[in-house]
N, C-alpha and C. Protein backbone atom coordinates (compact mmCIF):
# COMPACT_ATOMS: atom_id res chain seq x y z
N MET A 1 29.98 5.00 -13.11
CA MET A 1 28.71 4.66 -12.44
C MET A 1 28.02 5.99 -12.13
N ALA A 2 26.72 6.05 -12.54
CA ALA A 2 25.93 7.25 -12.33
C ALA A 2 25.66 7.48 -10.85
N PRO A 3 25.67 8.74 -10.38
CA PRO A 3 25.43 9.02 -8.98
C PRO A 3 23.98 8.60 -8.61
N PHE A 4 23.82 8.19 -7.38
CA PHE A 4 22.48 7.75 -6.93
C PHE A 4 21.54 8.92 -6.79
N LYS A 5 20.37 8.78 -7.21
CA LYS A 5 19.28 9.76 -7.11
C LYS A 5 18.18 9.18 -6.22
N TYR A 6 17.95 9.79 -5.12
CA TYR A 6 16.90 9.41 -4.20
C TYR A 6 15.56 9.94 -4.67
N GLU A 7 14.73 9.10 -5.26
CA GLU A 7 13.43 9.52 -5.74
C GLU A 7 12.32 9.19 -4.72
N ARG A 8 11.96 10.21 -3.94
CA ARG A 8 11.00 10.03 -2.89
C ARG A 8 9.58 10.07 -3.44
N ILE A 9 8.64 9.48 -2.72
CA ILE A 9 7.25 9.59 -3.11
C ILE A 9 6.85 11.04 -2.94
N ASP A 10 6.19 11.54 -3.95
CA ASP A 10 5.67 12.89 -3.96
C ASP A 10 4.13 12.82 -3.95
N LYS A 11 3.49 13.25 -2.93
CA LYS A 11 2.01 13.14 -2.81
C LYS A 11 1.27 13.81 -3.94
N ALA A 12 1.94 14.81 -4.56
CA ALA A 12 1.28 15.48 -5.69
C ALA A 12 1.45 14.70 -7.02
N GLU A 13 2.33 13.72 -7.00
CA GLU A 13 2.58 12.91 -8.27
C GLU A 13 2.26 11.52 -8.17
N ALA A 14 1.60 11.05 -7.05
CA ALA A 14 1.40 9.66 -6.81
C ALA A 14 -0.05 9.23 -6.91
N ALA A 15 -0.26 8.05 -7.35
CA ALA A 15 -1.57 7.36 -7.29
C ALA A 15 -1.39 6.07 -6.55
N LEU A 16 -2.48 5.55 -6.01
CA LEU A 16 -2.43 4.32 -5.21
C LEU A 16 -3.34 3.28 -5.82
N LEU A 17 -2.77 2.09 -6.00
CA LEU A 17 -3.49 0.94 -6.57
C LEU A 17 -3.79 -0.14 -5.47
N ILE A 18 -4.99 -0.60 -5.47
CA ILE A 18 -5.40 -1.69 -4.63
C ILE A 18 -5.73 -2.90 -5.50
N VAL A 19 -4.82 -3.91 -5.43
CA VAL A 19 -4.86 -4.97 -6.43
C VAL A 19 -5.19 -6.32 -5.81
N ASP A 20 -6.40 -6.78 -6.08
CA ASP A 20 -6.81 -8.15 -5.72
C ASP A 20 -6.76 -8.35 -4.16
N HIS A 21 -7.01 -7.31 -3.41
CA HIS A 21 -7.15 -7.47 -1.98
C HIS A 21 -8.50 -8.10 -1.66
N GLN A 22 -8.77 -9.30 -2.12
CA GLN A 22 -10.07 -9.93 -2.10
C GLN A 22 -10.19 -10.87 -0.91
N GLU A 23 -11.42 -10.97 -0.50
CA GLU A 23 -11.70 -11.76 0.78
C GLU A 23 -11.29 -13.23 0.65
N GLY A 24 -11.42 -13.78 -0.54
CA GLY A 24 -10.98 -15.15 -0.70
C GLY A 24 -9.48 -15.27 -0.83
N LEU A 25 -8.84 -14.40 -1.66
CA LEU A 25 -7.42 -14.45 -1.82
C LEU A 25 -6.68 -14.15 -0.56
N TYR A 26 -7.32 -13.36 0.35
CA TYR A 26 -6.79 -13.04 1.66
C TYR A 26 -6.34 -14.31 2.39
N MET A 27 -7.09 -15.38 2.17
CA MET A 27 -6.78 -16.65 2.89
C MET A 27 -5.44 -17.28 2.40
N LEU A 28 -4.88 -16.80 1.31
CA LEU A 28 -3.60 -17.28 0.83
C LEU A 28 -2.41 -16.68 1.50
N ALA A 29 -2.63 -15.57 2.19
CA ALA A 29 -1.52 -14.82 2.74
C ALA A 29 -1.12 -15.41 4.12
N HIS A 30 0.04 -16.06 4.10
CA HIS A 30 0.56 -16.71 5.33
C HIS A 30 1.89 -16.13 5.78
N ASP A 31 2.34 -15.06 5.15
CA ASP A 31 3.61 -14.43 5.63
C ASP A 31 3.35 -13.42 6.68
N TYR A 32 2.04 -13.12 7.00
CA TYR A 32 1.70 -12.30 8.13
C TYR A 32 0.58 -13.03 8.83
N SER A 33 0.34 -12.71 10.10
CA SER A 33 -0.84 -13.26 10.78
C SER A 33 -2.11 -12.71 10.20
N PRO A 34 -3.25 -13.38 10.24
CA PRO A 34 -4.45 -12.88 9.67
C PRO A 34 -4.85 -11.43 10.19
N VAL A 35 -4.70 -11.30 11.47
CA VAL A 35 -5.08 -10.02 12.06
C VAL A 35 -4.14 -8.86 11.56
N GLN A 36 -2.84 -9.16 11.55
CA GLN A 36 -1.91 -8.20 11.08
C GLN A 36 -2.12 -7.86 9.60
N PHE A 37 -2.35 -8.83 8.79
CA PHE A 37 -2.47 -8.58 7.37
C PHE A 37 -3.77 -7.83 7.02
N LYS A 38 -4.90 -8.12 7.74
CA LYS A 38 -6.08 -7.34 7.52
C LYS A 38 -5.78 -5.83 7.91
N ASN A 39 -5.15 -5.69 9.03
CA ASN A 39 -4.74 -4.29 9.42
C ASN A 39 -3.95 -3.61 8.31
N ASN A 40 -2.96 -4.29 7.72
CA ASN A 40 -2.09 -3.70 6.78
C ASN A 40 -2.82 -3.34 5.52
N LEU A 41 -3.67 -4.22 5.03
CA LEU A 41 -4.36 -3.90 3.74
C LEU A 41 -5.34 -2.73 3.93
N LEU A 42 -5.97 -2.61 5.12
CA LEU A 42 -6.83 -1.47 5.40
C LEU A 42 -6.01 -0.20 5.49
N ALA A 43 -4.82 -0.32 6.10
CA ALA A 43 -3.92 0.85 6.18
C ALA A 43 -3.48 1.35 4.83
N HIS A 44 -3.26 0.42 3.87
CA HIS A 44 -2.90 0.80 2.53
C HIS A 44 -4.00 1.64 1.91
N ALA A 45 -5.21 1.22 2.02
CA ALA A 45 -6.35 2.03 1.50
C ALA A 45 -6.51 3.37 2.21
N ALA A 46 -6.31 3.38 3.54
CA ALA A 46 -6.45 4.59 4.34
C ALA A 46 -5.48 5.61 3.97
N LEU A 47 -4.23 5.24 3.57
CA LEU A 47 -3.21 6.24 3.24
C LEU A 47 -3.72 7.12 2.02
N ALA A 48 -4.35 6.49 1.07
CA ALA A 48 -4.84 7.24 -0.04
C ALA A 48 -5.91 8.27 0.37
N LYS A 49 -6.72 7.90 1.34
CA LYS A 49 -7.72 8.82 1.82
C LYS A 49 -7.09 10.03 2.54
N ILE A 50 -6.12 9.75 3.35
CA ILE A 50 -5.47 10.83 4.15
C ILE A 50 -4.79 11.83 3.18
N PHE A 51 -4.08 11.28 2.20
CA PHE A 51 -3.22 12.13 1.35
C PHE A 51 -3.99 12.55 0.04
N ASN A 52 -5.21 12.17 -0.02
CA ASN A 52 -6.09 12.56 -1.20
C ASN A 52 -5.40 12.09 -2.50
N LEU A 53 -4.94 10.82 -2.51
CA LEU A 53 -4.34 10.29 -3.72
C LEU A 53 -5.35 9.61 -4.58
N PRO A 54 -5.28 9.77 -5.86
CA PRO A 54 -6.19 9.07 -6.75
C PRO A 54 -6.02 7.53 -6.59
N VAL A 55 -7.11 6.82 -6.60
CA VAL A 55 -7.07 5.37 -6.33
C VAL A 55 -7.72 4.60 -7.52
N VAL A 56 -7.14 3.46 -7.84
CA VAL A 56 -7.74 2.54 -8.79
C VAL A 56 -7.79 1.22 -8.10
N LEU A 57 -8.94 0.65 -8.02
CA LEU A 57 -9.22 -0.66 -7.45
C LEU A 57 -9.36 -1.69 -8.55
N THR A 58 -8.86 -2.90 -8.27
CA THR A 58 -9.11 -3.94 -9.24
C THR A 58 -9.21 -5.28 -8.54
N SER A 59 -10.05 -6.15 -9.08
CA SER A 59 -10.31 -7.50 -8.59
C SER A 59 -10.18 -8.49 -9.67
N SER A 60 -9.95 -9.74 -9.35
CA SER A 60 -9.81 -10.82 -10.30
C SER A 60 -10.84 -11.87 -10.08
N SER A 61 -11.75 -12.04 -11.08
CA SER A 61 -12.81 -13.12 -11.09
C SER A 61 -13.48 -13.21 -9.73
N GLU A 62 -14.00 -12.05 -9.28
CA GLU A 62 -14.50 -12.00 -7.94
C GLU A 62 -15.81 -12.75 -7.68
N THR A 63 -16.48 -13.23 -8.72
CA THR A 63 -17.66 -14.02 -8.51
C THR A 63 -17.35 -15.48 -8.14
N GLY A 64 -16.06 -15.84 -8.21
CA GLY A 64 -15.68 -17.16 -7.84
C GLY A 64 -15.10 -17.16 -6.45
N PRO A 65 -14.22 -18.14 -6.15
CA PRO A 65 -13.65 -18.27 -4.80
C PRO A 65 -12.75 -17.13 -4.40
N ASN A 66 -12.27 -16.29 -5.36
CA ASN A 66 -11.49 -15.16 -4.99
C ASN A 66 -12.20 -14.18 -4.16
N GLY A 67 -13.51 -14.06 -4.34
CA GLY A 67 -14.39 -13.21 -3.53
C GLY A 67 -14.22 -11.73 -3.91
N PRO A 68 -15.03 -10.86 -3.26
CA PRO A 68 -14.98 -9.46 -3.51
C PRO A 68 -13.96 -8.73 -2.69
N LEU A 69 -13.69 -7.45 -3.03
CA LEU A 69 -12.87 -6.62 -2.13
C LEU A 69 -13.62 -6.37 -0.85
N PRO A 70 -12.90 -6.18 0.27
CA PRO A 70 -13.58 -5.91 1.54
C PRO A 70 -14.46 -4.69 1.54
N LYS A 71 -15.56 -4.76 2.23
CA LYS A 71 -16.48 -3.61 2.30
C LYS A 71 -15.76 -2.36 2.89
N GLU A 72 -14.88 -2.61 3.88
CA GLU A 72 -14.19 -1.46 4.45
C GLU A 72 -13.39 -0.68 3.41
N VAL A 73 -12.77 -1.41 2.50
CA VAL A 73 -11.97 -0.76 1.46
C VAL A 73 -12.89 0.00 0.49
N LEU A 74 -13.96 -0.68 0.07
CA LEU A 74 -14.94 0.01 -0.88
C LEU A 74 -15.56 1.23 -0.26
N ASP A 75 -15.86 1.17 1.05
CA ASP A 75 -16.41 2.31 1.74
C ASP A 75 -15.51 3.49 1.81
N MET A 76 -14.16 3.23 1.90
CA MET A 76 -13.19 4.32 1.93
C MET A 76 -13.09 5.04 0.62
N HIS A 77 -13.36 4.30 -0.52
CA HIS A 77 -13.17 4.90 -1.84
C HIS A 77 -14.38 4.57 -2.73
N PRO A 78 -15.53 5.10 -2.38
CA PRO A 78 -16.75 4.80 -3.13
C PRO A 78 -16.73 5.32 -4.56
N ASN A 79 -15.96 6.31 -4.82
CA ASN A 79 -15.97 6.89 -6.23
C ASN A 79 -14.77 6.51 -7.02
N ALA A 80 -13.91 5.69 -6.49
CA ALA A 80 -12.74 5.19 -7.25
C ALA A 80 -13.16 4.20 -8.29
N PRO A 81 -12.49 4.21 -9.45
CA PRO A 81 -12.82 3.17 -10.46
C PRO A 81 -12.47 1.80 -9.91
N LEU A 82 -13.37 0.79 -10.14
CA LEU A 82 -13.17 -0.54 -9.76
C LEU A 82 -13.23 -1.41 -11.01
N ILE A 83 -12.09 -1.92 -11.37
CA ILE A 83 -11.96 -2.70 -12.61
C ILE A 83 -12.04 -4.20 -12.21
N LYS A 84 -13.11 -4.86 -12.68
CA LYS A 84 -13.31 -6.25 -12.33
C LYS A 84 -12.80 -7.09 -13.47
N ARG A 85 -11.55 -7.57 -13.35
CA ARG A 85 -10.92 -8.40 -14.37
C ARG A 85 -11.57 -9.81 -14.37
N GLN A 86 -11.74 -10.35 -15.61
CA GLN A 86 -12.35 -11.66 -15.70
C GLN A 86 -11.35 -12.76 -16.08
N GLY A 87 -10.08 -12.41 -16.26
CA GLY A 87 -9.16 -13.43 -16.62
C GLY A 87 -7.72 -13.04 -16.58
N GLU A 88 -7.42 -11.78 -16.81
CA GLU A 88 -6.02 -11.32 -16.83
C GLU A 88 -5.38 -11.46 -15.45
N VAL A 89 -4.25 -12.15 -15.42
CA VAL A 89 -3.50 -12.33 -14.19
C VAL A 89 -2.74 -11.00 -13.82
N ASP A 90 -2.04 -10.48 -14.82
CA ASP A 90 -1.36 -9.21 -14.69
C ASP A 90 -2.39 -8.10 -14.99
N ALA A 91 -2.73 -7.28 -14.03
CA ALA A 91 -3.77 -6.25 -14.22
C ALA A 91 -3.46 -5.33 -15.39
N TRP A 92 -2.17 -5.19 -15.63
CA TRP A 92 -1.79 -4.25 -16.74
C TRP A 92 -2.26 -4.76 -18.09
N ASP A 93 -2.51 -6.05 -18.19
CA ASP A 93 -2.96 -6.61 -19.45
C ASP A 93 -4.47 -6.26 -19.72
N ASN A 94 -5.14 -5.69 -18.79
CA ASN A 94 -6.53 -5.30 -18.92
C ASN A 94 -6.60 -3.86 -19.39
N ALA A 95 -7.23 -3.65 -20.54
CA ALA A 95 -7.28 -2.36 -21.16
C ALA A 95 -7.98 -1.30 -20.29
N ASP A 96 -9.07 -1.70 -19.66
CA ASP A 96 -9.81 -0.79 -18.75
C ASP A 96 -8.94 -0.37 -17.58
N PHE A 97 -8.20 -1.29 -17.04
CA PHE A 97 -7.33 -0.97 -15.86
C PHE A 97 -6.24 -0.01 -16.33
N ARG A 98 -5.60 -0.29 -17.47
CA ARG A 98 -4.56 0.59 -17.97
C ARG A 98 -5.09 1.99 -18.14
N ALA A 99 -6.28 2.08 -18.73
CA ALA A 99 -6.85 3.41 -19.00
C ALA A 99 -7.13 4.13 -17.67
N ALA A 100 -7.59 3.40 -16.67
CA ALA A 100 -7.90 3.97 -15.35
C ALA A 100 -6.59 4.52 -14.68
N VAL A 101 -5.58 3.79 -14.77
CA VAL A 101 -4.27 4.24 -14.23
C VAL A 101 -3.76 5.46 -15.00
N GLU A 102 -3.80 5.39 -16.31
CA GLU A 102 -3.35 6.51 -17.14
C GLU A 102 -4.13 7.77 -16.86
N ALA A 103 -5.44 7.58 -16.59
CA ALA A 103 -6.33 8.73 -16.39
C ALA A 103 -6.01 9.50 -15.08
N THR A 104 -5.32 8.86 -14.18
CA THR A 104 -4.90 9.55 -12.94
C THR A 104 -3.90 10.73 -13.27
N GLY A 105 -3.15 10.56 -14.38
CA GLY A 105 -2.15 11.51 -14.75
C GLY A 105 -0.87 11.47 -13.89
N LYS A 106 -0.74 10.48 -13.04
CA LYS A 106 0.41 10.40 -12.09
C LYS A 106 1.44 9.41 -12.62
N LYS A 107 2.73 9.72 -12.37
CA LYS A 107 3.77 8.88 -12.82
C LYS A 107 4.45 8.09 -11.69
N GLN A 108 4.07 8.32 -10.46
CA GLN A 108 4.50 7.50 -9.32
C GLN A 108 3.30 6.61 -8.92
N ILE A 109 3.57 5.36 -8.72
CA ILE A 109 2.49 4.43 -8.38
C ILE A 109 2.87 3.67 -7.15
N ILE A 110 1.97 3.74 -6.13
CA ILE A 110 2.09 2.95 -4.89
C ILE A 110 1.07 1.79 -5.01
N LEU A 111 1.55 0.58 -4.87
CA LEU A 111 0.61 -0.54 -5.02
C LEU A 111 0.86 -1.64 -4.01
N ALA A 112 -0.17 -2.42 -3.80
CA ALA A 112 -0.08 -3.62 -2.99
C ALA A 112 -1.16 -4.58 -3.48
N GLY A 113 -0.83 -5.87 -3.30
CA GLY A 113 -1.84 -6.86 -3.78
C GLY A 113 -1.61 -8.24 -3.16
N ILE A 114 -2.55 -9.13 -3.48
CA ILE A 114 -2.45 -10.55 -3.14
C ILE A 114 -2.53 -11.29 -4.43
N THR A 115 -1.47 -12.13 -4.77
CA THR A 115 -0.31 -12.44 -3.96
C THR A 115 0.85 -11.51 -4.37
N THR A 116 1.84 -11.44 -3.46
CA THR A 116 3.02 -10.63 -3.75
C THR A 116 3.77 -11.02 -4.98
N ASP A 117 3.92 -12.33 -5.11
CA ASP A 117 4.73 -12.80 -6.26
C ASP A 117 4.03 -12.76 -7.57
N VAL A 118 2.68 -12.63 -7.57
CA VAL A 118 1.98 -12.61 -8.86
C VAL A 118 1.28 -11.26 -9.02
N CYS A 119 0.28 -10.99 -8.21
CA CYS A 119 -0.54 -9.76 -8.49
C CYS A 119 0.22 -8.47 -8.26
N THR A 120 1.09 -8.46 -7.19
CA THR A 120 1.93 -7.25 -6.98
C THR A 120 3.08 -7.20 -7.96
N ALA A 121 3.83 -8.30 -8.04
CA ALA A 121 5.08 -8.26 -8.79
C ALA A 121 4.85 -8.12 -10.34
N PHE A 122 3.89 -8.87 -10.86
CA PHE A 122 3.65 -8.82 -12.33
C PHE A 122 3.30 -7.37 -12.73
N LEU A 123 2.36 -6.76 -11.93
CA LEU A 123 1.94 -5.40 -12.23
C LEU A 123 3.08 -4.42 -12.07
N ALA A 124 3.81 -4.58 -10.96
CA ALA A 124 4.92 -3.65 -10.69
C ALA A 124 5.92 -3.64 -11.85
N LEU A 125 6.27 -4.83 -12.31
CA LEU A 125 7.26 -4.99 -13.41
C LEU A 125 6.70 -4.36 -14.67
N SER A 126 5.39 -4.57 -14.99
CA SER A 126 4.78 -4.02 -16.13
C SER A 126 4.78 -2.46 -16.06
N LEU A 127 4.52 -1.95 -14.86
CA LEU A 127 4.48 -0.46 -14.71
C LEU A 127 5.84 0.15 -14.91
N VAL A 128 6.92 -0.50 -14.37
CA VAL A 128 8.29 -0.04 -14.64
C VAL A 128 8.54 -0.01 -16.13
N GLU A 129 8.20 -1.10 -16.80
CA GLU A 129 8.40 -1.14 -18.22
C GLU A 129 7.68 -0.01 -18.98
N ALA A 130 6.51 0.35 -18.44
CA ALA A 130 5.70 1.44 -19.07
C ALA A 130 6.16 2.83 -18.73
N GLY A 131 7.26 2.94 -17.86
CA GLY A 131 7.82 4.22 -17.54
C GLY A 131 7.42 4.83 -16.24
N TYR A 132 6.72 4.09 -15.37
CA TYR A 132 6.32 4.60 -14.10
C TYR A 132 7.36 4.36 -13.06
N THR A 133 7.42 5.15 -12.03
CA THR A 133 8.22 4.87 -10.85
C THR A 133 7.28 4.16 -9.84
N VAL A 134 7.69 2.96 -9.37
CA VAL A 134 6.81 2.08 -8.72
C VAL A 134 7.26 1.91 -7.28
N TYR A 135 6.33 1.99 -6.33
CA TYR A 135 6.59 1.72 -4.94
C TYR A 135 5.67 0.58 -4.47
N ALA A 136 6.28 -0.59 -4.20
CA ALA A 136 5.52 -1.76 -3.77
C ALA A 136 5.40 -1.67 -2.25
N HIS A 137 4.20 -1.64 -1.76
CA HIS A 137 3.95 -1.59 -0.31
C HIS A 137 4.02 -3.00 0.23
N SER A 138 5.13 -3.43 0.78
CA SER A 138 5.34 -4.83 1.16
C SER A 138 4.47 -5.27 2.28
N ASP A 139 4.14 -4.41 3.24
CA ASP A 139 3.34 -4.82 4.39
C ASP A 139 1.92 -5.13 3.98
N ALA A 140 1.43 -4.56 2.86
CA ALA A 140 0.04 -4.79 2.36
C ALA A 140 0.00 -5.71 1.23
N SER A 141 1.07 -6.43 0.97
CA SER A 141 1.11 -7.50 -0.05
C SER A 141 1.41 -8.83 0.69
N GLY A 142 0.61 -9.82 0.41
CA GLY A 142 0.79 -11.07 1.06
C GLY A 142 0.86 -12.25 0.11
N THR A 143 1.46 -13.35 0.60
CA THR A 143 1.58 -14.51 -0.23
C THR A 143 1.69 -15.77 0.69
N PHE A 144 2.09 -16.92 0.06
CA PHE A 144 2.03 -18.19 0.73
C PHE A 144 2.96 -18.33 1.90
N ASP A 145 4.15 -17.73 1.82
CA ASP A 145 5.10 -17.92 2.87
C ASP A 145 6.19 -16.79 2.74
N VAL A 146 7.04 -16.69 3.77
CA VAL A 146 7.98 -15.61 3.82
C VAL A 146 9.01 -15.74 2.65
N ARG A 147 9.44 -16.96 2.39
CA ARG A 147 10.44 -17.18 1.33
C ARG A 147 9.89 -16.67 -0.02
N THR A 148 8.66 -17.00 -0.34
CA THR A 148 8.05 -16.56 -1.58
C THR A 148 7.99 -15.00 -1.63
N ALA A 149 7.63 -14.45 -0.54
CA ALA A 149 7.59 -12.95 -0.50
C ALA A 149 8.99 -12.36 -0.72
N GLN A 150 9.99 -12.96 -0.06
CA GLN A 150 11.37 -12.41 -0.23
C GLN A 150 11.83 -12.53 -1.65
N ASP A 151 11.55 -13.66 -2.27
CA ASP A 151 11.95 -13.87 -3.67
C ASP A 151 11.25 -12.84 -4.58
N ALA A 152 9.97 -12.59 -4.34
CA ALA A 152 9.22 -11.65 -5.12
C ALA A 152 9.76 -10.26 -4.99
N ASN A 153 10.05 -9.91 -3.74
CA ASN A 153 10.58 -8.52 -3.46
C ASN A 153 11.99 -8.35 -4.11
N ASP A 154 12.79 -9.44 -4.07
CA ASP A 154 14.09 -9.36 -4.68
C ASP A 154 13.93 -9.14 -6.25
N ARG A 155 12.98 -9.90 -6.79
CA ARG A 155 12.75 -9.74 -8.25
C ARG A 155 12.33 -8.31 -8.60
N MET A 156 11.45 -7.74 -7.82
CA MET A 156 11.02 -6.36 -8.04
C MET A 156 12.14 -5.36 -7.86
N ARG A 157 12.91 -5.52 -6.82
CA ARG A 157 14.04 -4.59 -6.56
C ARG A 157 15.03 -4.62 -7.76
N ALA A 158 15.30 -5.83 -8.29
CA ALA A 158 16.23 -5.98 -9.37
C ALA A 158 15.77 -5.20 -10.62
N ALA A 159 14.45 -4.97 -10.71
CA ALA A 159 13.92 -4.28 -11.83
C ALA A 159 13.75 -2.75 -11.56
N GLY A 160 14.15 -2.32 -10.38
CA GLY A 160 14.01 -0.90 -10.03
C GLY A 160 12.80 -0.51 -9.21
N VAL A 161 12.01 -1.47 -8.80
CA VAL A 161 10.87 -1.23 -7.94
C VAL A 161 11.36 -0.88 -6.54
N HIS A 162 10.77 0.15 -5.92
CA HIS A 162 11.06 0.53 -4.51
C HIS A 162 10.12 -0.35 -3.68
N VAL A 163 10.70 -1.11 -2.78
CA VAL A 163 9.89 -1.96 -1.86
C VAL A 163 9.96 -1.37 -0.46
N LEU A 164 8.76 -0.87 0.00
CA LEU A 164 8.68 -0.08 1.22
C LEU A 164 7.71 -0.70 2.18
N SER A 165 7.96 -0.47 3.47
CA SER A 165 7.04 -0.80 4.54
C SER A 165 5.95 0.22 4.64
N MET A 166 4.91 -0.07 5.40
CA MET A 166 3.79 0.88 5.62
C MET A 166 4.35 2.19 6.23
N PHE A 167 5.25 2.04 7.23
CA PHE A 167 5.79 3.26 7.91
C PHE A 167 6.56 4.09 6.95
N ALA A 168 7.33 3.43 6.07
CA ALA A 168 8.14 4.16 5.08
C ALA A 168 7.24 4.88 4.07
N VAL A 169 6.20 4.21 3.55
CA VAL A 169 5.26 4.82 2.60
C VAL A 169 4.67 6.06 3.23
N ALA A 170 4.13 5.89 4.47
CA ALA A 170 3.48 6.97 5.22
C ALA A 170 4.44 8.15 5.42
N CYS A 171 5.62 7.84 5.81
CA CYS A 171 6.54 8.95 6.11
C CYS A 171 7.09 9.68 4.85
N GLU A 172 7.26 8.95 3.77
CA GLU A 172 7.67 9.59 2.54
C GLU A 172 6.56 10.45 1.98
N LEU A 173 5.34 10.03 2.13
CA LEU A 173 4.22 10.87 1.70
C LEU A 173 4.12 12.13 2.53
N MET A 174 4.31 11.99 3.83
CA MET A 174 4.19 13.13 4.72
C MET A 174 5.46 14.04 4.65
N ARG A 175 6.64 13.47 4.77
CA ARG A 175 7.95 14.16 4.71
C ARG A 175 8.21 14.99 5.97
N ASP A 176 7.26 15.75 6.47
CA ASP A 176 7.50 16.68 7.56
C ASP A 176 6.33 16.64 8.53
N TRP A 177 6.58 16.42 9.82
CA TRP A 177 5.49 16.36 10.73
C TRP A 177 4.68 17.66 10.82
N ARG A 178 5.27 18.73 10.32
CA ARG A 178 4.56 20.03 10.34
C ARG A 178 3.71 20.24 9.11
N SER A 179 3.79 19.31 8.18
CA SER A 179 3.03 19.46 6.92
C SER A 179 1.56 19.19 7.18
N THR A 180 0.77 19.40 6.13
CA THR A 180 -0.62 18.95 6.09
C THR A 180 -0.78 18.08 4.83
N PRO A 181 -1.13 16.78 5.02
CA PRO A 181 -1.27 16.06 6.30
C PRO A 181 0.08 15.93 7.03
N GLY A 182 0.01 16.04 8.30
CA GLY A 182 1.18 15.90 9.13
C GLY A 182 0.82 15.22 10.46
N ALA A 183 1.38 15.68 11.52
CA ALA A 183 1.18 15.01 12.81
C ALA A 183 -0.32 14.88 13.21
N LYS A 184 -1.07 15.98 12.91
CA LYS A 184 -2.44 16.00 13.39
C LYS A 184 -3.23 14.87 12.64
N GLU A 185 -2.97 14.64 11.36
CA GLU A 185 -3.67 13.63 10.63
C GLU A 185 -3.04 12.23 10.76
N MET A 186 -1.72 12.20 10.91
CA MET A 186 -1.05 10.96 10.90
C MET A 186 -0.98 10.22 12.23
N MET A 187 -1.07 10.96 13.33
CA MET A 187 -1.00 10.21 14.63
C MET A 187 -2.24 9.37 14.82
N PRO A 188 -3.47 9.80 14.48
CA PRO A 188 -4.59 8.89 14.57
C PRO A 188 -4.44 7.66 13.60
N PHE A 189 -3.85 7.91 12.41
CA PHE A 189 -3.58 6.79 11.48
C PHE A 189 -2.66 5.75 12.18
N PHE A 190 -1.53 6.22 12.72
CA PHE A 190 -0.59 5.32 13.34
C PHE A 190 -1.21 4.65 14.58
N ASP A 191 -2.02 5.40 15.33
CA ASP A 191 -2.67 4.78 16.51
C ASP A 191 -3.60 3.60 16.10
N THR A 192 -4.22 3.72 14.92
CA THR A 192 -5.06 2.69 14.43
C THR A 192 -4.33 1.55 13.79
N TYR A 193 -3.36 1.86 12.93
CA TYR A 193 -2.76 0.87 12.06
C TYR A 193 -1.33 0.44 12.43
N LEU A 194 -0.69 1.26 13.26
CA LEU A 194 0.65 0.92 13.78
C LEU A 194 0.63 1.19 15.25
N PRO A 195 -0.05 0.31 16.00
CA PRO A 195 -0.30 0.62 17.43
C PRO A 195 0.96 0.76 18.28
N GLN A 196 2.10 0.15 17.88
CA GLN A 196 3.33 0.34 18.61
C GLN A 196 3.66 1.83 18.69
N TYR A 197 3.50 2.48 17.55
CA TYR A 197 3.80 3.93 17.53
C TYR A 197 2.73 4.77 18.21
N GLY A 198 1.49 4.33 18.03
CA GLY A 198 0.44 5.07 18.70
C GLY A 198 0.54 4.98 20.22
N PHE A 199 0.90 3.81 20.75
CA PHE A 199 1.00 3.70 22.23
C PHE A 199 2.27 4.41 22.73
N LEU A 200 3.30 4.51 21.90
CA LEU A 200 4.50 5.31 22.27
C LEU A 200 4.03 6.74 22.45
N ALA A 201 3.23 7.25 21.53
CA ALA A 201 2.77 8.63 21.64
C ALA A 201 1.84 8.84 22.83
N ARG A 202 0.99 7.81 23.10
CA ARG A 202 0.12 7.92 24.26
C ARG A 202 0.95 7.98 25.54
N ALA A 203 1.98 7.12 25.63
CA ALA A 203 2.84 7.14 26.80
C ALA A 203 3.51 8.50 27.02
N HIS A 204 3.94 9.11 25.89
CA HIS A 204 4.53 10.40 25.94
C HIS A 204 3.55 11.44 26.46
N ASP A 205 2.30 11.37 25.97
CA ASP A 205 1.32 12.28 26.43
C ASP A 205 0.99 12.16 27.90
N ALA A 206 0.98 10.85 28.34
CA ALA A 206 0.68 10.61 29.78
C ALA A 206 1.86 11.10 30.61
N ALA A 207 3.08 10.96 30.14
CA ALA A 207 4.21 11.42 30.92
C ALA A 207 4.22 12.96 31.11
N ILE A 208 3.82 13.66 30.01
CA ILE A 208 3.73 15.07 30.10
C ILE A 208 2.65 15.55 31.05
N ALA A 209 1.50 14.80 31.01
CA ALA A 209 0.33 15.19 31.83
C ALA A 209 0.56 14.89 33.32
N ASN A 210 1.07 13.72 33.62
CA ASN A 210 1.14 13.36 35.01
C ASN A 210 2.28 12.44 35.36
N GLY A 211 3.32 12.42 34.55
CA GLY A 211 4.40 11.50 34.80
C GLY A 211 5.41 11.99 35.82
N THR A 212 6.27 11.08 36.26
CA THR A 212 7.37 11.41 37.18
C THR A 212 8.63 11.27 36.42
N PRO A 213 9.47 12.27 36.41
CA PRO A 213 10.79 12.21 35.74
C PRO A 213 11.60 11.01 36.23
N SER A 214 12.27 10.29 35.30
CA SER A 214 13.08 9.18 35.74
C SER A 214 14.38 9.52 36.40
N GLY A 215 14.83 10.71 36.22
CA GLY A 215 16.09 11.17 36.77
C GLY A 215 17.34 10.77 36.00
N LEU A 216 17.15 10.18 34.81
CA LEU A 216 18.28 9.79 34.01
C LEU A 216 19.01 11.01 33.46
C-alpha cells in the first residue's frame, strides 16, 4: 500500500468555481437553514477575494426558474468569467466553461454548487477524471436533504475528491496565522461568516481589555 500523501490546498495553485449558486436553485437546499446557507455561499465567494484566487462562475438556464446568481456574488467578482450554460447539467460538458477553467492555469480546484449531488458532484468527478485535484466545499453546497448530501459526499470521496468545511478550506489556504492573508485578513472574514469564531475572538479581546481573571 502506497504511503499517504497529504495534498493541502496551495493558494498559488488553486482556482475557485462557483457553480449554479442561483437564486431559484437556492430554494432546493434543505440540508442547511436558509440563513446559514446564504451565509455559506457568500463565504465561498469571499474566500477567493481574500486569497486572490482566479474564479470561474457558471449558471444553468438562468432565464428560467433557476434564476440568476446573487448580486452579492457578482459584485465580489465583476471581472470573473461567467459561463451561462443553456442545457449541460455537468458544467464540464460545456466547452466555454472547460476553456475558462483551463485558462486559470491551476491544477487545484475548490468548488461548491447547488445541488450537491448533481452540480457539485458531477463536476467534481469530471475534474478528477481530467487530472485536477478537487476540493468540494461542503458547507457551500446544498441539496434536498442531509441524506442526499451525505451520499453525494461519499461518492465524491470514493473518487478521490477532498470534501472540506468552510473552516477547513479557509485554514488550508491560510496555513499560518502570521501569513498574508493571515490573522489580519481572516479574523474579519470569520467574524462575518463564522460568527462563533468571531465572537470567541471578541470575548478574548474584551477579556484582555477589561476582564477579570477567573483564577483557574
